[in-house]
Protein backbone atom coordinates (compact mmCIF):
# COMPACT_ATOMS: atom_id res chain seq x y z
CA UNK A 1 17.14 -3.86 34.86
CA UNK A 2 13.61 -5.45 34.23
CA UNK A 3 12.86 -9.13 33.54
CA UNK A 4 12.34 -9.77 29.88
CA UNK A 5 14.40 -6.98 28.48
CA UNK A 6 16.14 -7.90 25.51
CA UNK A 7 20.12 -7.30 25.41
CA UNK A 8 23.19 -7.48 23.12
CA UNK A 9 26.66 -8.21 24.22
CA UNK A 10 29.38 -6.02 23.31
CA UNK A 11 32.22 -7.44 25.61
CA UNK A 12 32.74 -9.65 28.54
CA UNK A 13 35.48 -10.10 31.31
CA UNK A 14 34.63 -14.00 31.52
CA UNK A 15 37.53 -15.70 29.45
CA UNK A 16 35.79 -18.96 29.82
CA UNK A 17 32.51 -18.24 28.43
CA UNK A 18 31.53 -19.22 24.93
CA UNK A 19 29.61 -15.83 24.30
CA UNK A 20 30.92 -13.57 21.53
CA UNK A 21 30.38 -9.88 20.87
CA UNK A 22 26.67 -9.53 19.06
CA UNK A 23 25.15 -12.56 21.02
CA UNK A 24 21.89 -11.81 22.39
CA UNK A 25 19.57 -12.53 25.08
CA UNK A 26 17.05 -11.99 27.45
CA UNK A 27 17.22 -10.41 31.08
CA UNK A 28 16.18 -13.04 33.25
CA UNK A 29 16.49 -11.05 36.66
CA UNK A 30 19.04 -8.97 38.68
CA UNK A 31 19.93 -10.32 41.63
CA UNK A 32 20.90 -8.52 45.01
CA UNK A 33 24.52 -7.49 44.25
CA UNK A 34 23.50 -6.40 40.63
CA UNK A 35 24.43 -9.14 38.48
CA UNK A 36 22.04 -9.36 35.56
CA UNK A 37 21.43 -12.73 34.90
CA UNK A 38 20.54 -13.38 31.15
CA UNK A 39 19.07 -16.20 29.18
CA UNK A 40 21.10 -16.38 26.20
CA UNK A 41 19.74 -17.22 22.81
CA UNK A 42 22.55 -19.74 22.23
CA UNK A 43 21.83 -21.62 25.38
CA UNK A 44 24.14 -19.98 27.88
CA UNK A 45 22.96 -18.46 31.11
CA UNK A 46 26.12 -16.23 32.25
CA UNK A 47 25.44 -13.15 34.44
CA UNK A 48 26.68 -9.30 33.04
CA UNK A 49 28.40 -7.42 35.79
CA UNK A 50 27.45 -3.92 35.03
CA UNK A 51 30.53 -1.79 34.84
CA UNK A 52 32.96 -4.63 33.94
CA UNK A 53 30.89 -6.69 31.17
CA UNK A 54 29.64 -4.31 28.54
CA UNK A 55 26.18 -4.79 26.45
CA UNK A 56 23.61 -2.69 24.83
CA UNK A 57 19.69 -2.76 25.61
CA UNK A 58 17.64 -3.63 22.40
């Protein structure tokens, strides 16, 4: 996924995150194993795993 892409979180498998459904952020980069690293608008930097975490491209 391209850097700068805006996304909205639907759900995550990470029980320790403070992110909630509907939170939005900007993709920083996608690493070599496919994790999508996001700079979330709330300050979090949690990466998303396609196929496990659900999100939509805005």
